[in-house]
């Protein structure tokens, strides 16, 4: 059963999200990640299987489906 580690809510829904990961100073965008999202605070939580799939994808020799440029701002 779901319980949010941020707000302790037990209400959630599934959603596909995009997330940017930084590895060795390089940014990688992963799209359409299946995620459990807290319906109260919006915290996104990946399953262990999803986390392992992302880790494997980003640390292997797999090729991205496309390459994009990204604007960078300093605060």
N, C-alpha and C. Protein backbone atom coordinates (compact mmCIF):
# COMPACT_ATOMS: atom_id res chain seq x y z
N UNK A 1 0.83 -1.18 0.00
CA UNK A 1 0.00 0.00 0.00
C UNK A 1 0.88 1.24 0.00
N UNK A 2 0.48 2.24 -0.74
CA UNK A 2 1.25 3.48 -0.88
C UNK A 2 1.15 4.34 0.37
N UNK A 3 2.30 4.88 0.78
CA UNK A 3 2.33 5.96 1.78
C UNK A 3 3.46 6.90 1.39
N UNK A 4 3.12 8.16 1.14
CA UNK A 4 4.10 9.15 0.71
C UNK A 4 5.12 9.40 1.83
N UNK A 5 6.40 9.36 1.47
CA UNK A 5 7.45 9.61 2.46
C UNK A 5 7.64 11.10 2.76
N UNK A 6 6.96 11.96 2.00
CA UNK A 6 7.04 13.39 2.24
C UNK A 6 5.90 13.88 3.13
N UNK A 7 4.66 13.53 2.77
CA UNK A 7 3.50 14.07 3.50
C UNK A 7 2.64 13.00 4.19
N UNK A 8 3.03 11.73 4.04
CA UNK A 8 2.33 10.59 4.65
C UNK A 8 0.93 10.32 4.09
N UNK A 9 0.57 10.95 3.00
CA UNK A 9 -0.72 10.68 2.37
C UNK A 9 -0.74 9.25 1.85
N UNK A 10 -1.91 8.66 1.79
CA UNK A 10 -2.07 7.31 1.25
C UNK A 10 -2.74 7.33 -0.13
N UNK A 11 -2.97 8.53 -0.66
CA UNK A 11 -3.63 8.66 -1.97
C UNK A 11 -2.58 8.90 -3.04
N UNK A 12 -2.69 8.11 -4.12
CA UNK A 12 -1.73 8.24 -5.22
C UNK A 12 -2.41 7.93 -6.54
N UNK A 13 -1.71 8.26 -7.61
CA UNK A 13 -2.15 7.90 -8.94
C UNK A 13 -0.91 7.60 -9.78
N UNK A 14 -1.10 6.91 -10.88
CA UNK A 14 0.02 6.63 -11.77
C UNK A 14 0.06 7.67 -12.88
N UNK A 15 1.26 7.97 -13.31
CA UNK A 15 1.46 9.01 -14.32
C UNK A 15 2.80 8.73 -15.00
N UNK A 16 2.92 9.07 -16.26
CA UNK A 16 4.20 9.01 -16.96
C UNK A 16 4.81 10.40 -16.93
N UNK A 17 6.05 10.48 -16.43
CA UNK A 17 6.72 11.77 -16.31
C UNK A 17 8.03 11.76 -17.07
N UNK A 18 8.62 12.93 -17.23
CA UNK A 18 9.97 13.07 -17.77
C UNK A 18 10.87 13.58 -16.64
N UNK A 19 12.11 13.13 -16.63
CA UNK A 19 13.04 13.50 -15.57
C UNK A 19 14.43 13.69 -16.17
N UNK A 20 15.16 14.68 -15.68
CA UNK A 20 16.53 14.92 -16.12
C UNK A 20 17.47 14.36 -15.05
N UNK A 21 18.44 13.56 -15.49
CA UNK A 21 19.44 12.97 -14.61
C UNK A 21 20.81 13.52 -14.99
N UNK A 22 21.63 13.82 -14.00
CA UNK A 22 22.99 14.29 -14.26
C UNK A 22 23.97 13.20 -13.87
N UNK A 23 24.77 12.77 -14.85
CA UNK A 23 25.76 11.73 -14.62
C UNK A 23 27.10 12.22 -15.14
N UNK A 24 28.06 12.29 -14.27
CA UNK A 24 29.41 12.76 -14.63
C UNK A 24 29.36 14.11 -15.36
N UNK A 25 28.52 15.01 -14.91
CA UNK A 25 28.44 16.35 -15.48
C UNK A 25 27.63 16.45 -16.76
N UNK A 26 27.08 15.34 -17.23
CA UNK A 26 26.28 15.33 -18.45
C UNK A 26 24.82 15.10 -18.09
N UNK A 27 23.94 15.85 -18.74
CA UNK A 27 22.52 15.74 -18.46
C UNK A 27 21.84 14.79 -19.44
N UNK A 28 20.91 13.99 -18.91
CA UNK A 28 20.18 13.01 -19.71
C UNK A 28 18.70 13.15 -19.39
N UNK A 29 17.89 13.33 -20.42
CA UNK A 29 16.44 13.41 -20.26
C UNK A 29 15.84 12.05 -20.56
N UNK A 30 15.07 11.53 -19.61
CA UNK A 30 14.36 10.27 -19.81
C UNK A 30 12.86 10.61 -19.80
N UNK A 31 12.18 10.25 -20.86
CA UNK A 31 10.76 10.57 -21.02
C UNK A 31 9.89 9.35 -20.74
N UNK A 32 8.62 9.62 -20.43
CA UNK A 32 7.59 8.59 -20.27
C UNK A 32 7.94 7.54 -19.21
N UNK A 33 8.43 8.00 -18.06
CA UNK A 33 8.77 7.10 -16.96
C UNK A 33 7.49 6.78 -16.19
N UNK A 34 7.13 5.51 -16.06
CA UNK A 34 5.95 5.15 -15.27
C UNK A 34 6.24 5.41 -13.79
N UNK A 35 5.37 6.20 -13.16
CA UNK A 35 5.64 6.70 -11.82
C UNK A 35 4.38 6.69 -10.97
N UNK A 36 4.55 6.45 -9.68
CA UNK A 36 3.48 6.64 -8.72
C UNK A 36 3.63 8.05 -8.17
N UNK A 37 2.57 8.83 -8.23
CA UNK A 37 2.62 10.23 -7.81
C UNK A 37 1.65 10.43 -6.64
N UNK A 38 2.13 11.07 -5.59
CA UNK A 38 1.28 11.38 -4.44
C UNK A 38 0.21 12.37 -4.89
N UNK A 39 -1.03 12.04 -4.63
CA UNK A 39 -2.14 12.91 -5.03
C UNK A 39 -2.23 14.16 -4.16
N UNK A 40 -1.56 14.14 -3.01
CA UNK A 40 -1.61 15.29 -2.11
C UNK A 40 -0.50 16.30 -2.41
N UNK A 41 0.76 15.84 -2.43
CA UNK A 41 1.88 16.79 -2.57
C UNK A 41 2.58 16.73 -3.92
N UNK A 42 2.30 15.71 -4.74
CA UNK A 42 2.90 15.62 -6.07
C UNK A 42 4.25 14.93 -6.12
N UNK A 43 4.71 14.40 -5.00
CA UNK A 43 6.00 13.69 -4.99
C UNK A 43 5.93 12.48 -5.92
N UNK A 44 6.93 12.36 -6.81
CA UNK A 44 6.99 11.26 -7.76
C UNK A 44 7.90 10.17 -7.22
N UNK A 45 7.44 8.91 -7.27
CA UNK A 45 8.18 7.80 -6.72
C UNK A 45 8.30 6.71 -7.80
N UNK A 46 9.54 6.32 -8.08
CA UNK A 46 9.80 5.25 -9.04
C UNK A 46 9.87 3.92 -8.31
N UNK A 47 9.35 2.87 -8.96
CA UNK A 47 9.50 1.52 -8.40
C UNK A 47 10.97 1.11 -8.52
N UNK A 48 11.34 0.06 -7.79
CA UNK A 48 12.70 -0.46 -7.89
C UNK A 48 13.02 -0.91 -9.30
N UNK A 49 12.04 -1.56 -9.94
CA UNK A 49 12.24 -2.04 -11.30
C UNK A 49 12.47 -0.88 -12.27
N UNK A 50 11.69 0.19 -12.11
CA UNK A 50 11.84 1.36 -12.97
C UNK A 50 13.20 2.02 -12.74
N UNK A 51 13.59 2.16 -11.48
CA UNK A 51 14.88 2.75 -11.15
C UNK A 51 16.02 1.95 -11.76
N UNK A 52 15.95 0.63 -11.67
CA UNK A 52 16.99 -0.23 -12.24
C UNK A 52 17.01 -0.12 -13.76
N UNK A 53 15.84 -0.04 -14.38
CA UNK A 53 15.77 0.09 -15.84
C UNK A 53 16.43 1.41 -16.29
N UNK A 54 16.14 2.49 -15.58
CA UNK A 54 16.75 3.79 -15.92
C UNK A 54 18.26 3.72 -15.73
N UNK A 55 18.70 3.17 -14.59
CA UNK A 55 20.13 3.07 -14.32
C UNK A 55 20.83 2.26 -15.41
N UNK A 56 20.25 1.14 -15.77
CA UNK A 56 20.82 0.29 -16.80
C UNK A 56 20.88 1.02 -18.14
N UNK A 57 19.82 1.71 -18.48
CA UNK A 57 19.76 2.43 -19.75
C UNK A 57 20.84 3.53 -19.82
N UNK A 58 20.99 4.28 -18.74
CA UNK A 58 21.91 5.42 -18.75
C UNK A 58 23.37 5.01 -18.60
N UNK A 59 23.64 3.84 -18.04
CA UNK A 59 25.02 3.41 -17.83
C UNK A 59 25.47 2.35 -18.84
N UNK A 60 24.64 2.08 -19.83
CA UNK A 60 25.03 1.11 -20.86
C UNK A 60 25.42 1.87 -22.13
N UNK A 61 25.65 1.11 -23.15
CA UNK A 61 26.01 1.71 -24.44
C UNK A 61 24.79 1.99 -25.30
N UNK A 62 23.58 1.96 -24.71
CA UNK A 62 22.38 2.21 -25.51
C UNK A 62 22.39 3.65 -26.03
N UNK A 63 21.81 3.83 -27.17
CA UNK A 63 21.81 5.14 -27.83
C UNK A 63 20.49 5.85 -27.56
N UNK A 64 20.55 7.16 -27.35
CA UNK A 64 19.31 7.91 -27.14
C UNK A 64 18.47 7.95 -28.41
N UNK A 65 17.16 8.15 -28.25
CA UNK A 65 16.28 8.23 -29.42
C UNK A 65 16.45 9.55 -30.16
N UNK A 66 16.93 10.58 -29.45
CA UNK A 66 17.25 11.85 -30.08
C UNK A 66 18.16 12.65 -29.17
N UNK A 67 18.78 13.68 -29.73
CA UNK A 67 19.63 14.59 -28.98
C UNK A 67 19.07 15.98 -29.12
N UNK A 68 18.99 16.72 -28.01
CA UNK A 68 18.44 18.07 -28.02
C UNK A 68 19.42 19.02 -27.34
N UNK A 69 19.28 20.30 -27.61
CA UNK A 69 20.06 21.29 -26.86
C UNK A 69 19.18 21.81 -25.73
N UNK A 70 19.82 22.33 -24.69
CA UNK A 70 19.10 22.78 -23.50
C UNK A 70 19.61 24.14 -23.08
N UNK A 71 18.70 25.05 -22.76
CA UNK A 71 19.09 26.35 -22.22
C UNK A 71 19.49 26.17 -20.76
N UNK A 72 20.56 26.86 -20.35
CA UNK A 72 21.06 26.76 -18.98
C UNK A 72 21.09 28.16 -18.39
N UNK A 73 20.56 28.29 -17.19
CA UNK A 73 20.54 29.56 -16.47
C UNK A 73 21.22 29.38 -15.12
N UNK A 74 21.88 30.43 -14.65
CA UNK A 74 22.46 30.42 -13.31
C UNK A 74 21.59 31.31 -12.43
N UNK A 75 21.32 30.87 -11.25
CA UNK A 75 20.49 31.63 -10.32
C UNK A 75 21.32 32.64 -9.57
